[in-house]
Amino acid sequence: SLLAGPGSRVSVGEDGPEITIHANSQGHLSDVRVKLNASSTLGAERQAYDHVMPLLSRMAFEADVALEVKATVVVELSTGAQAMGAHLVGAVKPAPEIEGILTPEVRPLLAAYRYGLNSVNALYEALSFYRAIEGAETHHKNRARRSGNAQSDVPPIDSTMPTQESEYEEVTPWGRDVFRPFLGKPMRDVYESMRDTIRNAVAHITPGRDLRVPDYFDDLEKCRQAVPVLRFIARRLIEEELRAISATP
């Protein structure tokens, strides 16, 4: 982190676990440890996350500096077994050759998609890809209206999701199971089903509404499940818009 200090111990309420913050050799706060009882590795990660993240949010606010968790390690003390998790940006790929022009209207779509790829937090990944879908849908409507084909045109968002998990070639095999509830469904239905539960729940902080808060593990997990699906739809729609732009005389 960008916070300097010797580390500290923080108690979370009367019945909560004790949280220990450690510093690295440069004197920067670098890791947080918490000991607790849980029935599973996932349960331990959920408890630790829900206890630690509010503390980090408070520290970030007080110091006015960015704080984020890069990796988690869950250790079962009785056996020494470990489970590790981290958010990776992705594998190295060859640089693409860029052809054609980019209109001012399509640039925000690409920017939203890029920020979705760059984000290390599932809530903002989901929101970025959702925004890219919204923008691509509007871009298509405007393009069809200008060409005079608004009445006969079938928007890409009205196509269907692939019917087999194996058809999601660019999705990792272990990530394809999140597509199972959406196989063969209209893209529009999938996209709109996440408007309140993901898009609005992430974008707004309105008391009394269903919210997605980064400091709650379950809220983070809901967005993690949505990200591959939203990314898939966003990519399909943006690809269609880029093809249409390239085909325009």
C-alpha atoms as a PDB file:
ATOM      1  CA  SER A   1       0.000   0.000   0.000  1.00  0.00           C
ATOM      2  CA  LEU A   2       0.930   3.680   0.002  1.00  0.00           C
ATOM      3  CA  LEU A   3       0.446   3.835   3.765  1.00  0.00           C
ATOM      4  CA  ALA A   4       3.531   3.914   5.971  1.00  0.00           C
ATOM      5  CA  GLY A   5       3.558   2.711   9.555  1.00  0.00           C
ATOM      6  CA  PRO A   6       4.621  -0.023  11.967  1.00  0.00           C
ATOM      7  CA  GLY A   7       1.370  -1.974  11.699  1.00  0.00           C
ATOM      8  CA  SER A   8      -1.375  -2.365  14.274  1.00  0.00           C
ATOM      9  CA  ARG A   9      -4.053  -4.586  15.779  1.00  0.00           C
ATOM     10  CA  VAL A  10      -7.749  -3.838  15.477  1.00  0.00           C
ATOM     11  CA  SER A  11     -10.641  -5.572  17.243  1.00  0.00           C
ATOM     12  CA  VAL A  12     -13.919  -5.901  15.346  1.00  0.00           C
ATOM     13  CA  GLY A  13     -16.654  -5.501  17.972  1.00  0.00           C
ATOM     14  CA  GLU A  14     -16.964  -7.569  21.131  1.00  0.00           C
ATOM     15  CA  ASP A  15     -17.394 -10.936  19.394  1.00  0.00           C
ATOM     16  CA  GLY A  16     -15.437 -10.204  16.230  1.00  0.00           C
ATOM     17  CA  PRO A  17     -11.930 -11.481  15.421  1.00  0.00           C
ATOM     18  CA  GLU A  18      -8.752  -9.528  15.969  1.00  0.00           C
ATOM     19  CA  ILE A  19      -7.252  -8.110  12.789  1.00  0.00           C
ATOM     20  CA  THR A  20      -3.486  -7.654  12.543  1.00  0.00           C
ATOM     21  CA  ILE A  21      -1.973  -5.268  10.004  1.00  0.00           C
ATOM     22  CA  HIS A  22       1.685  -5.874   9.102  1.00  0.00           C
ATOM     23  CA  ALA A  23       4.302  -3.679   7.463  1.00  0.00           C
ATOM     24  CA  ASN A  24       6.895  -4.770   4.917  1.00  0.00           C
ATOM     25  CA  SER A  25      10.659  -4.094   4.947  1.00  0.00           C
ATOM     26  CA  GLN A  26      10.095  -0.641   3.417  1.00  0.00           C
ATOM     27  CA  GLY A  27       7.792   0.333   6.273  1.00  0.00           C
ATOM     28  CA  HIS A  28       4.602   0.251   4.163  1.00  0.00           C
ATOM     29  CA  LEU A  29       1.492  -1.521   5.385  1.00  0.00           C
ATOM     30  CA  SER A  30       1.430  -4.617   3.194  1.00  0.00           C
ATOM     31  CA  ASP A  31      -0.800  -7.401   4.517  1.00  0.00           C
ATOM     32  CA  VAL A  32      -3.704  -8.041   6.848  1.00  0.00           C
ATOM     33  CA  ARG A  33      -4.173 -11.227   8.869  1.00  0.00           C
ATOM     34  CA  VAL A  34      -7.228 -12.487  10.695  1.00  0.00           C
ATOM     35  CA  LYS A  35      -7.799 -15.768  12.568  1.00  0.00           C
ATOM     36  CA  LEU A  36     -11.348 -17.141  12.682  1.00  0.00           C
ATOM     37  CA  ASN A  37     -13.480 -20.293  12.772  1.00  0.00           C
ATOM     38  CA  ALA A  38     -15.187 -21.421   9.573  1.00  0.00           C
ATOM     39  CA  SER A  39     -16.667 -24.612   8.151  1.00  0.00           C
ATOM     40  CA  SER A  40     -15.084 -24.180   4.707  1.00  0.00           C
ATOM     41  CA  THR A  41     -12.385 -22.287   2.827  1.00  0.00           C
ATOM     42  CA  LEU A  42     -15.016 -20.182   1.097  1.00  0.00           C
ATOM     43  CA  GLY A  43     -16.672 -19.455   4.438  1.00  0.00           C
ATOM     44  CA  ALA A  44     -13.356 -18.336   5.892  1.00  0.00           C
ATOM     45  CA  GLU A  45     -12.693 -16.072   2.919  1.00  0.00           C
ATOM     46  CA  ARG A  46     -16.196 -14.599   3.171  1.00  0.00           C
ATOM     47  CA  GLN A  47     -15.847 -13.853   6.901  1.00  0.00           C
ATOM     48  CA  ALA A  48     -12.372 -12.379   6.522  1.00  0.00           C
ATOM     49  CA  TYR A  49     -13.439 -10.232   3.583  1.00  0.00           C
ATOM     50  CA  ASP A  50     -16.496  -8.864   5.370  1.00  0.00           C
ATOM     51  CA  HIS A  51     -14.412  -7.993   8.450  1.00  0.00           C
ATOM     52  CA  VAL A  52     -11.336  -6.569   6.712  1.00  0.00           C
ATOM     53  CA  MET A  53     -12.764  -4.546   3.824  1.00  0.00           C
ATOM     54  CA  PRO A  54     -14.733  -2.037   5.940  1.00  0.00           C
ATOM     55  CA  LEU A  55     -11.526  -1.415   7.889  1.00  0.00           C
ATOM     56  CA  LEU A  56      -9.580  -0.774   4.687  1.00  0.00           C
ATOM     57  CA  SER A  57     -12.313   1.546   3.424  1.00  0.00           C
ATOM     58  CA  ARG A  58     -12.070   3.579   6.630  1.00  0.00           C
ATOM     59  CA  MET A  59      -8.267   3.719   6.400  1.00  0.00           C
ATOM     60  CA  ALA A  60      -8.442   4.771   2.728  1.00  0.00           C
ATOM     61  CA  PHE A  61     -10.872   7.542   3.610  1.00  0.00           C
ATOM     62  CA  GLU A  62      -8.854   8.835   6.581  1.00  0.00           C
ATOM     63  CA  ALA A  63      -5.581   8.852   4.615  1.00  0.00           C
ATOM     64  CA  ASP A  64      -7.274   9.763   1.298  1.00  0.00           C
ATOM     65  CA  VAL A  65      -5.240   7.146  -0.545  1.00  0.00           C
ATOM     66  CA  ALA A  66      -6.067   4.100  -2.698  1.00  0.00           C
ATOM     67  CA  LEU A  67      -6.205   0.689  -0.987  1.00  0.00           C
ATOM     68  CA  GLU A  68      -7.036  -2.600  -2.672  1.00  0.00           C
ATOM     69  CA  VAL A  69      -6.587  -6.302  -1.970  1.00  0.00           C
ATOM     70  CA  LYS A  70      -4.359  -7.953  -4.587  1.00  0.00           C
ATOM     71  CA  ALA A  71      -4.502 -11.532  -3.308  1.00  0.00           C
ATOM     72  CA  THR A  72      -5.961 -13.689  -0.565  1.00  0.00           C
ATOM     73  CA  VAL A  73      -4.474 -16.719   1.200  1.00  0.00           C
ATOM     74  CA  VAL A  74      -6.636 -18.970   3.380  1.00  0.00           C
ATOM     75  CA  VAL A  75      -4.634 -21.306   5.641  1.00  0.00           C
ATOM     76  CA  GLU A  76      -6.234 -24.183   7.536  1.00  0.00           C
ATOM     77  CA  LEU A  77      -4.223 -24.103  10.755  1.00  0.00           C
ATOM     78  CA  SER A  78      -4.761 -27.764  11.690  1.00  0.00           C
ATOM     79  CA  THR A  79      -3.376 -29.143   8.406  1.00  0.00           C
ATOM     80  CA  GLY A  80      -1.437 -26.264   6.875  1.00  0.00           C
ATOM     81  CA  ALA A  81      -3.471 -26.575   3.648  1.00  0.00           C
ATOM     82  CA  GLN A  82      -3.639 -23.311   1.726  1.00  0.00           C
ATOM     83  CA  ALA A  83      -6.023 -21.822  -0.818  1.00  0.00           C
ATOM     84  CA  MET A  84      -4.916 -18.763  -2.780  1.00  0.00           C
ATOM     85  CA  GLY A  85      -6.834 -16.299  -4.896  1.00  0.00           C
ATOM     86  CA  ALA A  86      -5.793 -13.286  -6.943  1.00  0.00           C
ATOM     87  CA  HIS A  87      -7.174 -11.025  -9.663  1.00  0.00           C
ATOM     88  CA  LEU A  88      -5.033 -11.275 -12.797  1.00  0.00           C
ATOM     89  CA  VAL A  89      -5.375  -8.922 -15.745  1.00  0.00           C
ATOM     90  CA  GLY A  90      -4.867 -11.751 -18.250  1.00  0.00           C
ATOM     91  CA  ALA A  91      -2.428 -13.597 -20.464  1.00  0.00           C
ATOM     92  CA  VAL A  92       0.013 -11.968 -22.867  1.00  0.00           C
ATOM     93  CA  LYS A  93      -1.362 -11.742 -26.416  1.00  0.00           C
ATOM     94  CA  PRO A  94       0.126 -10.503 -29.702  1.00  0.00           C
ATOM     95  CA  ALA A  95      -0.538  -6.857 -30.471  1.00  0.00           C
ATOM     96  CA  PRO A  96      -3.340  -6.461 -33.054  1.00  0.00           C
ATOM     97  CA  GLU A  97      -3.070  -4.594 -36.330  1.00  0.00           C
ATOM     98  CA  ILE A  98      -5.556  -1.732 -36.348  1.00  0.00           C
ATOM     99  CA  GLU A  99      -7.384  -0.906 -39.559  1.00  0.00           C
ATOM    100  CA  GLY A 100     -10.155   1.510 -40.411  1.00  0.00           C
ATOM    101  CA  ILE A 101     -11.391   4.586 -38.600  1.00  0.00           C
ATOM    102  CA  LEU A 102     -12.869   5.165 -35.173  1.00  0.00           C
ATOM    103  CA  THR A 103     -15.834   7.497 -35.095  1.00  0.00           C
ATOM    104  CA  PRO A 104     -16.389   9.749 -32.060  1.00  0.00           C
ATOM    105  CA  GLU A 105     -19.511   7.728 -31.217  1.00  0.00           C
ATOM    106  CA  VAL A 106     -17.668   4.398 -30.917  1.00  0.00           C
ATOM    107  CA  ARG A 107     -14.757   5.677 -28.841  1.00  0.00           C
ATOM    108  CA  PRO A 108     -16.733   5.685 -25.535  1.00  0.00           C
ATOM    109  CA  LEU A 109     -17.721   2.043 -26.161  1.00  0.00           C
ATOM    110  CA  LEU A 110     -14.100   0.986 -26.499  1.00  0.00           C
ATOM    111  CA  ALA A 111     -13.105   3.072 -23.488  1.00  0.00           C
ATOM    112  CA  ALA A 112     -15.788   1.469 -21.304  1.00  0.00           C
ATOM    113  CA  TYR A 113     -14.708  -2.003 -22.437  1.00  0.00           C
ATOM    114  CA  ARG A 114     -11.040  -1.211 -21.740  1.00  0.00           C
ATOM    115  CA  TYR A 115     -11.823   0.032 -18.247  1.00  0.00           C
ATOM    116  CA  GLY A 116     -13.755  -3.175 -17.653  1.00  0.00           C
ATOM    117  CA  LEU A 117     -10.652  -5.157 -18.627  1.00  0.00           C
ATOM    118  CA  ASN A 118      -8.379  -2.981 -16.486  1.00  0.00           C
ATOM    119  CA  SER A 119     -10.457  -2.966 -13.318  1.00  0.00           C
ATOM    120  CA  VAL A 120      -9.375  -5.143 -10.380  1.00  0.00           C
ATOM    121  CA  ASN A 121     -12.790  -4.938  -8.715  1.00  0.00           C
ATOM    122  CA  ALA A 122     -15.688  -7.038  -9.989  1.00  0.00           C
ATOM    123  CA  LEU A 123     -18.280  -4.326  -9.277  1.00  0.00           C
ATOM    124  CA  TYR A 124     -16.601  -1.848 -11.580  1.00  0.00           C
ATOM    125  CA  GLU A 125     -15.836  -4.517 -14.156  1.00  0.00           C
ATOM    126  CA  ALA A 126     -19.543  -5.352 -14.295  1.00  0.00           C
ATOM    127  CA  LEU A 127     -20.577  -1.701 -14.452  1.00  0.00           C
ATOM    128  CA  SER A 128     -18.062  -0.910 -17.214  1.00  0.00           C
ATOM    129  CA  PHE A 129     -19.178  -3.806 -19.411  1.00  0.00           C
ATOM    130  CA  TYR A 130     -22.833  -2.955 -18.775  1.00  0.00           C
ATOM    131  CA  ARG A 131     -22.157   0.634 -19.854  1.00  0.00           C
ATOM    132  CA  ALA A 132     -20.444  -0.662 -22.986  1.00  0.00           C
ATOM    133  CA  ILE A 133     -23.581  -2.688 -23.832  1.00  0.00           C
ATOM    134  CA  GLU A 134     -25.848   0.310 -23.224  1.00  0.00           C
ATOM    135  CA  GLY A 135     -23.661   2.472 -25.433  1.00  0.00           C
ATOM    136  CA  ALA A 136     -23.403  -0.109 -28.222  1.00  0.00           C
ATOM    137  CA  GLU A 137     -27.176  -0.577 -28.284  1.00  0.00           C
ATOM    138  CA  THR A 138     -27.737   3.185 -28.553  1.00  0.00           C
ATOM    139  CA  HIS A 139     -25.001   3.516 -31.169  1.00  0.00           C
ATOM    140  CA  HIS A 140     -26.691   0.858 -33.297  1.00  0.00           C
ATOM    141  CA  LYS A 141     -30.107   2.548 -33.003  1.00  0.00           C
ATOM    142  CA  ASN A 142     -28.656   5.885 -34.068  1.00  0.00           C
ATOM    143  CA  ARG A 143     -26.771   4.326 -36.974  1.00  0.00           C
ATOM    144  CA  ALA A 144     -29.891   2.481 -38.203  1.00  0.00           C
ATOM    145  CA  ARG A 145     -31.932   5.675 -37.932  1.00  0.00           C
ATOM    146  CA  ARG A 146     -29.401   7.665 -39.972  1.00  0.00           C
ATOM    147  CA  SER A 147     -29.337   4.987 -42.683  1.00  0.00           C
ATOM    148  CA  GLY A 148     -33.130   4.820 -42.878  1.00  0.00           C
ATOM    149  CA  ASN A 149     -33.223   1.166 -41.817  1.00  0.00           C
ATOM    150  CA  ALA A 150     -34.616   1.705 -38.319  1.00  0.00           C
ATOM    151  CA  GLN A 151     -37.871  -0.138 -39.095  1.00  0.00           C
ATOM    152  CA  SER A 152     -36.386  -3.225 -40.768  1.00  0.00           C
ATOM    153  CA  ASP A 153     -33.130  -3.466 -38.844  1.00  0.00           C
ATOM    154  CA  VAL A 154     -32.609  -6.285 -36.298  1.00  0.00           C
ATOM    155  CA  PRO A 155     -30.313  -5.031 -33.524  1.00  0.00           C
ATOM    156  CA  PRO A 156     -27.437  -7.340 -32.461  1.00  0.00           C
ATOM    157  CA  ILE A 157     -28.781  -7.216 -28.892  1.00  0.00           C
ATOM    158  CA  ASP A 158     -31.804  -9.178 -30.159  1.00  0.00           C
ATOM    159  CA  SER A 159     -29.680 -12.163 -31.194  1.00  0.00           C
ATOM    160  CA  THR A 160     -29.428 -15.194 -28.896  1.00  0.00           C
ATOM    161  CA  MET A 161     -26.697 -16.472 -26.642  1.00  0.00           C
ATOM    162  CA  PRO A 162     -24.905 -19.653 -27.808  1.00  0.00           C
ATOM    163  CA  THR A 163     -26.719 -22.839 -26.828  1.00  0.00           C
ATOM    164  CA  GLN A 164     -23.643 -24.865 -25.790  1.00  0.00           C
ATOM    165  CA  GLU A 165     -20.983 -23.990 -23.226  1.00  0.00           C
ATOM    166  CA  SER A 166     -18.310 -25.192 -25.675  1.00  0.00           C
ATOM    167  CA  GLU A 167     -19.311 -22.369 -28.051  1.00  0.00           C
ATOM    168  CA  TYR A 168     -17.833 -19.779 -25.694  1.00  0.00           C
ATOM    169  CA  GLU A 169     -14.385 -20.280 -27.163  1.00  0.00           C
ATOM    170  CA  GLU A 170     -12.756 -17.185 -25.670  1.00  0.00           C
ATOM    171  CA  VAL A 171     -14.033 -18.009 -22.158  1.00  0.00           C
ATOM    172  CA  THR A 172     -11.857 -20.168 -19.909  1.00  0.00           C
ATOM    173  CA  PRO A 173     -13.287 -23.686 -19.385  1.00  0.00           C
ATOM    174  CA  TRP A 174     -13.643 -23.091 -15.639  1.00  0.00           C
ATOM    175  CA  GLY A 175     -15.550 -19.864 -16.290  1.00  0.00           C
ATOM    176  CA  ARG A 176     -18.142 -21.293 -18.667  1.00  0.00           C
ATOM    177  CA  ASP A 177     -20.453 -22.584 -15.953  1.00  0.00           C
ATOM    178  CA  VAL A 178     -21.679 -19.025 -15.245  1.00  0.00           C
ATOM    179  CA  PHE A 179     -23.211 -19.047 -18.740  1.00  0.00           C
ATOM    180  CA  ARG A 180     -25.332 -22.137 -18.043  1.00  0.00           C
ATOM    181  CA  PRO A 181     -28.482 -20.223 -16.945  1.00  0.00           C
ATOM    182  CA  PHE A 182     -28.315 -18.096 -20.111  1.00  0.00           C
ATOM    183  CA  LEU A 183     -27.701 -20.705 -22.831  1.00  0.00           C
ATOM    184  CA  GLY A 184     -29.856 -19.997 -25.873  1.00  0.00           C
ATOM    185  CA  LYS A 185     -31.595 -17.000 -24.302  1.00  0.00           C
ATOM    186  CA  PRO A 186     -32.005 -13.654 -26.080  1.00  0.00           C
ATOM    187  CA  MET A 187     -29.099 -11.351 -25.280  1.00  0.00           C
ATOM    188  CA  ARG A 188     -31.525  -8.568 -24.526  1.00  0.00           C
ATOM    189  CA  ASP A 189     -33.247 -10.643 -21.836  1.00  0.00           C
ATOM    190  CA  VAL A 190     -29.911 -11.527 -20.235  1.00  0.00           C
ATOM    191  CA  TYR A 191     -28.733  -7.909 -20.318  1.00  0.00           C
ATOM    192  CA  GLU A 192     -31.998  -6.505 -18.966  1.00  0.00           C
ATOM    193  CA  SER A 193     -32.175  -9.136 -16.206  1.00  0.00           C
ATOM    194  CA  MET A 194     -29.062  -7.523 -14.712  1.00  0.00           C
ATOM    195  CA  ARG A 195     -30.277  -3.917 -14.894  1.00  0.00           C
ATOM    196  CA  ASP A 196     -31.540  -3.724 -11.299  1.00  0.00           C
ATOM    197  CA  THR A 197     -29.411  -6.445  -9.701  1.00  0.00           C
ATOM    198  CA  ILE A 198     -26.082  -5.333 -11.179  1.00  0.00           C
ATOM    199  CA  ARG A 199     -26.160  -2.044 -13.090  1.00  0.00           C
ATOM    200  CA  ASN A 200     -28.398   0.026 -10.810  1.00  0.00           C
ATOM    201  CA  ALA A 201     -27.301  -1.804  -7.668  1.00  0.00           C
ATOM    202  CA  VAL A 202     -23.657  -0.896  -8.378  1.00  0.00           C
ATOM    203  CA  ALA A 203     -24.203   2.601  -9.771  1.00  0.00           C
ATOM    204  CA  HIS A 204     -26.447   3.905  -6.974  1.00  0.00           C
ATOM    205  CA  ILE A 205     -26.244   4.110  -3.193  1.00  0.00           C
ATOM    206  CA  THR A 206     -29.890   4.672  -2.349  1.00  0.00           C
ATOM    207  CA  PRO A 207     -30.980   3.641   1.170  1.00  0.00           C
ATOM    208  CA  GLY A 208     -33.598   0.914   1.148  1.00  0.00           C
ATOM    209  CA  ARG A 209     -32.730  -0.371  -2.337  1.00  0.00           C
ATOM    210  CA  ASP A 210     -30.926  -3.554  -3.332  1.00  0.00           C
ATOM    211  CA  LEU A 211     -27.287  -2.462  -3.450  1.00  0.00           C
ATOM    212  CA  ARG A 212     -23.951  -4.012  -4.395  1.00  0.00           C
ATOM    213  CA  VAL A 213     -21.330  -2.810  -1.926  1.00  0.00           C
ATOM    214  CA  PRO A 214     -17.616  -3.604  -2.522  1.00  0.00           C
ATOM    215  CA  ASP A 215     -17.047  -4.346   1.160  1.00  0.00           C
ATOM    216  CA  TYR A 216     -19.460  -7.325   1.168  1.00  0.00           C
ATOM    217  CA  PHE A 217     -18.154 -10.638  -0.147  1.00  0.00           C
ATOM    218  CA  ASP A 218     -21.547 -11.864  -1.404  1.00  0.00           C
ATOM    219  CA  ASP A 219     -22.115  -8.630  -3.349  1.00  0.00           C
ATOM    220  CA  LEU A 220     -18.672  -8.991  -4.905  1.00  0.00           C
ATOM    221  CA  GLU A 221     -19.406 -12.607  -5.832  1.00  0.00           C
ATOM    222  CA  LYS A 222     -22.688 -11.674  -7.560  1.00  0.00           C
ATOM    223  CA  CYS A 223     -20.772  -9.267  -9.767  1.00  0.00           C
ATOM    224  CA  ARG A 224     -18.004 -11.789 -10.408  1.00  0.00           C
ATOM    225  CA  GLN A 225     -20.618 -14.173 -11.764  1.00  0.00           C
ATOM    226  CA  ALA A 226     -22.071 -11.467 -14.007  1.00  0.00           C
ATOM    227  CA  VAL A 227     -18.790 -10.132 -15.422  1.00  0.00           C
ATOM    228  CA  PRO A 228     -18.017 -12.911 -17.965  1.00  0.00           C
ATOM    229  CA  VAL A 229     -21.575 -12.771 -19.317  1.00  0.00           C
ATOM    230  CA  LEU A 230     -21.655  -8.974 -19.634  1.00  0.00           C
ATOM    231  CA  ARG A 231     -18.191  -8.963 -21.176  1.00  0.00           C
ATOM    232  CA  PHE A 232     -19.274 -11.555 -23.752  1.00  0.00           C
ATOM    233  CA  ILE A 233     -22.330  -9.522 -24.798  1.00  0.00           C
ATOM    234  CA  ALA A 234     -20.423  -6.233 -24.834  1.00  0.00           C
ATOM    235  CA  ARG A 235     -17.743  -7.694 -27.073  1.00  0.00           C
ATOM    236  CA  ARG A 236     -20.278  -9.108 -29.540  1.00  0.00           C
ATOM    237  CA  LEU A 237     -22.099  -5.768 -29.825  1.00  0.00           C
ATOM    238  CA  ILE A 238     -18.944  -3.683 -30.184  1.00  0.00           C
ATOM    239  CA  GLU A 239     -17.548  -6.068 -32.811  1.00  0.00           C
ATOM    240  CA  GLU A 240     -20.731  -5.609 -34.814  1.00  0.00           C
ATOM    241  CA  GLU A 241     -20.466  -1.829 -34.628  1.00  0.00           C
ATOM    242  CA  LEU A 242     -16.810  -1.897 -35.713  1.00  0.00           C
ATOM    243  CA  ARG A 243     -17.697  -4.132 -38.667  1.00  0.00           C
ATOM    244  CA  ALA A 244     -20.479  -1.762 -39.671  1.00  0.00           C
ATOM    245  CA  ILE A 245     -18.153   1.239 -39.482  1.00  0.00           C
ATOM    246  CA  SER A 246     -15.531  -0.526 -41.637  1.00  0.00           C
ATOM    247  CA  ALA A 247     -18.187  -1.406 -44.225  1.00  0.00           C
ATOM    248  CA  THR A 248     -19.440   2.173 -44.477  1.00  0.00           C
ATOM    249  CA  PRO A 249     -18.125   3.878 -47.634  1.00  0.00           C
END
